[in-house]
Amino acid sequence: MRFPKEETERRMLPFVVEFVKFSAGFAVIIAIALVTLHVASAAMQ
């Protein structure tokens, strides 16, 4: 069964939005971890 291009894009949109939200959250977690690590290493010196 073939969908028109617009229909396929509309079906994909929720997945793209969820992926972007997940990626942003993941990037924030990594940034917080790196900053924490930097502060901890600076405090030990």
PDB file of N, CA and C in Angstrom:
ATOM      1  N   MET A   1       0.852  -1.193   0.000  1.00  0.00           N
ATOM      2  CA  MET A   1       0.000   0.000   0.000  1.00  0.00           C
ATOM      3  C   MET A   1       0.889   1.244   0.000  1.00  0.00           C
ATOM      4  N   ARG A   2       0.703   2.105  -0.958  1.00  0.00           N
ATOM      5  CA  ARG A   2       1.540   3.298  -1.100  1.00  0.00           C
ATOM      6  C   ARG A   2       0.810   4.510  -0.540  1.00  0.00           C
ATOM      7  N   PHE A   3       1.541   5.310   0.207  1.00  0.00           N
ATOM      8  CA  PHE A   3       0.984   6.555   0.704  1.00  0.00           C
ATOM      9  C   PHE A   3       1.537   7.706  -0.134  1.00  0.00           C
ATOM     10  N   PRO A   4       0.762   8.756  -0.287  1.00  0.00           N
ATOM     11  CA  PRO A   4       1.324   9.951  -0.910  1.00  0.00           C
ATOM     12  C   PRO A   4       2.448  10.508  -0.040  1.00  0.00           C
ATOM     13  N   LYS A   5       3.316  11.274  -0.634  1.00  0.00           N
ATOM     14  CA  LYS A   5       4.471  11.813   0.094  1.00  0.00           C
ATOM     15  C   LYS A   5       4.041  12.620   1.320  1.00  0.00           C
ATOM     16  N   GLU A   6       2.998  13.445   1.191  1.00  0.00           N
ATOM     17  CA  GLU A   6       2.544  14.271   2.309  1.00  0.00           C
ATOM     18  C   GLU A   6       2.060  13.390   3.462  1.00  0.00           C
ATOM     19  N   GLU A   7       1.357  12.318   3.147  1.00  0.00           N
ATOM     20  CA  GLU A   7       0.837  11.419   4.184  1.00  0.00           C
ATOM     21  C   GLU A   7       1.984  10.759   4.942  1.00  0.00           C
ATOM     22  N   THR A   8       3.007  10.338   4.227  1.00  0.00           N
ATOM     23  CA  THR A   8       4.165   9.703   4.870  1.00  0.00           C
ATOM     24  C   THR A   8       4.865  10.694   5.783  1.00  0.00           C
ATOM     25  N   GLU A   9       5.048  11.923   5.328  1.00  0.00           N
ATOM     26  CA  GLU A   9       5.701  12.932   6.161  1.00  0.00           C
ATOM     27  C   GLU A   9       4.882  13.232   7.410  1.00  0.00           C
ATOM     28  N   ARG A  10       3.557  13.270   7.257  1.00  0.00           N
ATOM     29  CA  ARG A  10       2.695  13.547   8.409  1.00  0.00           C
ATOM     30  C   ARG A  10       2.768  12.401   9.412  1.00  0.00           C
ATOM     31  N   ARG A  11       2.876  11.168   8.933  1.00  0.00           N
ATOM     32  CA  ARG A  11       2.989  10.021   9.846  1.00  0.00           C
ATOM     33  C   ARG A  11       4.335  10.022  10.555  1.00  0.00           C
ATOM     34  N   MET A  12       5.372  10.521   9.909  1.00  0.00           N
ATOM     35  CA  MET A  12       6.708  10.514  10.499  1.00  0.00           C
ATOM     36  C   MET A  12       6.903  11.626  11.528  1.00  0.00           C
ATOM     37  N   LEU A  13       6.117  12.680  11.442  1.00  0.00           N
ATOM     38  CA  LEU A  13       6.345  13.857  12.279  1.00  0.00           C
ATOM     39  C   LEU A  13       6.399  13.556  13.770  1.00  0.00           C
ATOM     40  N   PRO A  14       5.473  12.806  14.348  1.00  0.00           N
ATOM     41  CA  PRO A  14       5.561  12.542  15.799  1.00  0.00           C
ATOM     42  C   PRO A  14       6.863  11.848  16.187  1.00  0.00           C
ATOM     43  N   PHE A  15       7.347  10.934  15.333  1.00  0.00           N
ATOM     44  CA  PHE A  15       8.595  10.244  15.634  1.00  0.00           C
ATOM     45  C   PHE A  15       9.768  11.213  15.603  1.00  0.00           C
ATOM     46  N   VAL A  16       9.756  12.126  14.643  1.00  0.00           N
ATOM     47  CA  VAL A  16      10.828  13.118  14.533  1.00  0.00           C
ATOM     48  C   VAL A  16      10.817  14.028  15.760  1.00  0.00           C
ATOM     49  N   VAL A  17       9.633  14.467  16.178  1.00  0.00           N
ATOM     50  CA  VAL A  17       9.519  15.342  17.346  1.00  0.00           C
ATOM     51  C   VAL A  17      10.031  14.627  18.587  1.00  0.00           C
ATOM     52  N   GLU A  18       9.639  13.368  18.786  1.00  0.00           N
ATOM     53  CA  GLU A  18      10.106  12.603  19.946  1.00  0.00           C
ATOM     54  C   GLU A  18      11.614  12.422  19.900  1.00  0.00           C
ATOM     55  N   PHE A  19      12.167  12.175  18.718  1.00  0.00           N
ATOM     56  CA  PHE A  19      13.611  11.988  18.590  1.00  0.00           C
ATOM     57  C   PHE A  19      14.352  13.267  18.955  1.00  0.00           C
ATOM     58  N   VAL A  20      13.830  14.412  18.496  1.00  0.00           N
ATOM     59  CA  VAL A  20      14.471  15.693  18.800  1.00  0.00           C
ATOM     60  C   VAL A  20      14.417  15.965  20.302  1.00  0.00           C
ATOM     61  N   LYS A  21      13.262  15.688  20.931  1.00  0.00           N
ATOM     62  CA  LYS A  21      13.151  15.902  22.374  1.00  0.00           C
ATOM     63  C   LYS A  21      14.110  14.992  23.126  1.00  0.00           C
ATOM     64  N   PHE A  22      14.203  13.741  22.711  1.00  0.00           N
ATOM     65  CA  PHE A  22      15.117  12.797  23.353  1.00  0.00           C
ATOM     66  C   PHE A  22      16.566  13.256  23.187  1.00  0.00           C
ATOM     67  N   SER A  23      16.919  13.676  21.997  1.00  0.00           N
ATOM     68  CA  SER A  23      18.288  14.123  21.732  1.00  0.00           C
ATOM     69  C   SER A  23      18.638  15.353  22.572  1.00  0.00           C
ATOM     70  N   ALA A  24      17.718  16.281  22.680  1.00  0.00           N
ATOM     71  CA  ALA A  24      17.963  17.487  23.475  1.00  0.00           C
ATOM     72  C   ALA A  24      18.145  17.125  24.944  1.00  0.00           C
ATOM     73  N   GLY A  25      17.290  16.263  25.447  1.00  0.00           N
ATOM     74  CA  GLY A  25      17.419  15.830  26.838  1.00  0.00           C
ATOM     75  C   GLY A  25      18.731  15.113  27.073  1.00  0.00           C
ATOM     76  N   PHE A  26      19.109  14.269  26.160  1.00  0.00           N
ATOM     77  CA  PHE A  26      20.367  13.526  26.276  1.00  0.00           C
ATOM     78  C   PHE A  26      21.554  14.488  26.276  1.00  0.00           C
ATOM     79  N   ALA A  27      21.519  15.484  25.400  1.00  0.00           N
ATOM     80  CA  ALA A  27      22.604  16.466  25.329  1.00  0.00           C
ATOM     81  C   ALA A  27      22.704  17.259  26.629  1.00  0.00           C
ATOM     82  N   VAL A  28      21.572  17.607  27.224  1.00  0.00           N
ATOM     83  CA  VAL A  28      21.571  18.336  28.499  1.00  0.00           C
ATOM     84  C   VAL A  28      22.189  17.473  29.601  1.00  0.00           C
ATOM     85  N   ILE A  29      21.821  16.196  29.638  1.00  0.00           N
ATOM     86  CA  ILE A  29      22.377  15.294  30.654  1.00  0.00           C
ATOM     87  C   ILE A  29      23.890  15.172  30.493  1.00  0.00           C
ATOM     88  N   ILE A  30      24.356  15.032  29.266  1.00  0.00           N
ATOM     89  CA  ILE A  30      25.803  14.936  29.015  1.00  0.00           C
ATOM     90  C   ILE A  30      26.500  16.233  29.436  1.00  0.00           C
ATOM     91  N   ALA A  31      25.900  17.381  29.109  1.00  0.00           N
ATOM     92  CA  ALA A  31      26.503  18.665  29.474  1.00  0.00           C
ATOM     93  C   ALA A  31      26.604  18.804  30.990  1.00  0.00           C
ATOM     94  N   ILE A  32      25.556  18.443  31.706  1.00  0.00           N
ATOM     95  CA  ILE A  32      25.581  18.521  33.171  1.00  0.00           C
ATOM     96  C   ILE A  32      26.659  17.597  33.729  1.00  0.00           C
ATOM     97  N   ALA A  33      26.768  16.395  33.174  1.00  0.00           N
ATOM     98  CA  ALA A  33      27.788  15.451  33.638  1.00  0.00           C
ATOM     99  C   ALA A  33      29.191  16.005  33.401  1.00  0.00           C
ATOM    100  N   LEU A  34      29.420  16.608  32.247  1.00  0.00           N
ATOM    101  CA  LEU A  34      30.741  17.169  31.949  1.00  0.00           C
ATOM    102  C   LEU A  34      31.080  18.340  32.868  1.00  0.00           C
ATOM    103  N   VAL A  35      30.115  19.211  33.111  1.00  0.00           N
ATOM    104  CA  VAL A  35      30.343  20.348  34.009  1.00  0.00           C
ATOM    105  C   VAL A  35      30.625  19.850  35.421  1.00  0.00           C
ATOM    106  N   THR A  36      29.859  18.867  35.886  1.00  0.00           N
ATOM    107  CA  THR A  36      30.076  18.304  37.221  1.00  0.00           C
ATOM    108  C   THR A  36      31.468  17.701  37.326  1.00  0.00           C
ATOM    109  N   LEU A  37      31.868  16.971  36.296  1.00  0.00           N
ATOM    110  CA  LEU A  37      33.199  16.364  36.283  1.00  0.00           C
ATOM    111  C   LEU A  37      34.291  17.437  36.317  1.00  0.00           C
ATOM    112  N   HIS A  38      34.085  18.502  35.561  1.00  0.00           N
ATOM    113  CA  HIS A  38      35.068  19.599  35.522  1.00  0.00           C
ATOM    114  C   HIS A  38      35.185  20.265  36.897  1.00  0.00           C
ATOM    115  N   VAL A  39      34.050  20.530  37.536  1.00  0.00           N
ATOM    116  CA  VAL A  39      34.053  21.158  38.850  1.00  0.00           C
ATOM    117  C   VAL A  39      34.713  20.239  39.873  1.00  0.00           C
ATOM    118  N   ALA A  40      34.410  18.947  39.807  1.00  0.00           N
ATOM    119  CA  ALA A  40      35.009  17.998  40.741  1.00  0.00           C
ATOM    120  C   ALA A  40      36.528  17.917  40.569  1.00  0.00           C
ATOM    121  N   SER A  41      36.988  17.893  39.343  1.00  0.00           N
ATOM    122  CA  SER A  41      38.433  17.802  39.108  1.00  0.00           C
ATOM    123  C   SER A  41      39.126  19.100  39.512  1.00  0.00           C
ATOM    124  N   ALA A  42      38.459  20.241  39.341  1.00  0.00           N
ATOM    125  CA  ALA A  42      39.043  21.515  39.754  1.00  0.00           C
ATOM    126  C   ALA A  42      39.106  21.592  41.282  1.00  0.00           C
ATOM    127  N   ALA A  43      38.111  21.040  41.950  1.00  0.00           N
ATOM    128  CA  ALA A  43      38.087  21.077  43.412  1.00  0.00           C
ATOM    129  C   ALA A  43      39.162  20.184  44.004  1.00  0.00           C
ATOM    130  N   MET A  44      39.560  19.139  43.306  1.00  0.00           N
ATOM    131  CA  MET A  44      40.560  18.199  43.833  1.00  0.00           C
ATOM    132  C   MET A  44      41.982  18.748  43.705  1.00  0.00           C
ATOM    133  N   GLN A  45      42.182  19.740  42.859  1.00  0.00           N
ATOM    134  CA  GLN A  45      43.540  20.267  42.661  1.00  0.00           C
ATOM    135  C   GLN A  45      43.900  21.303  43.702  1.00  0.00           C
TER     136      GLN A  45
END
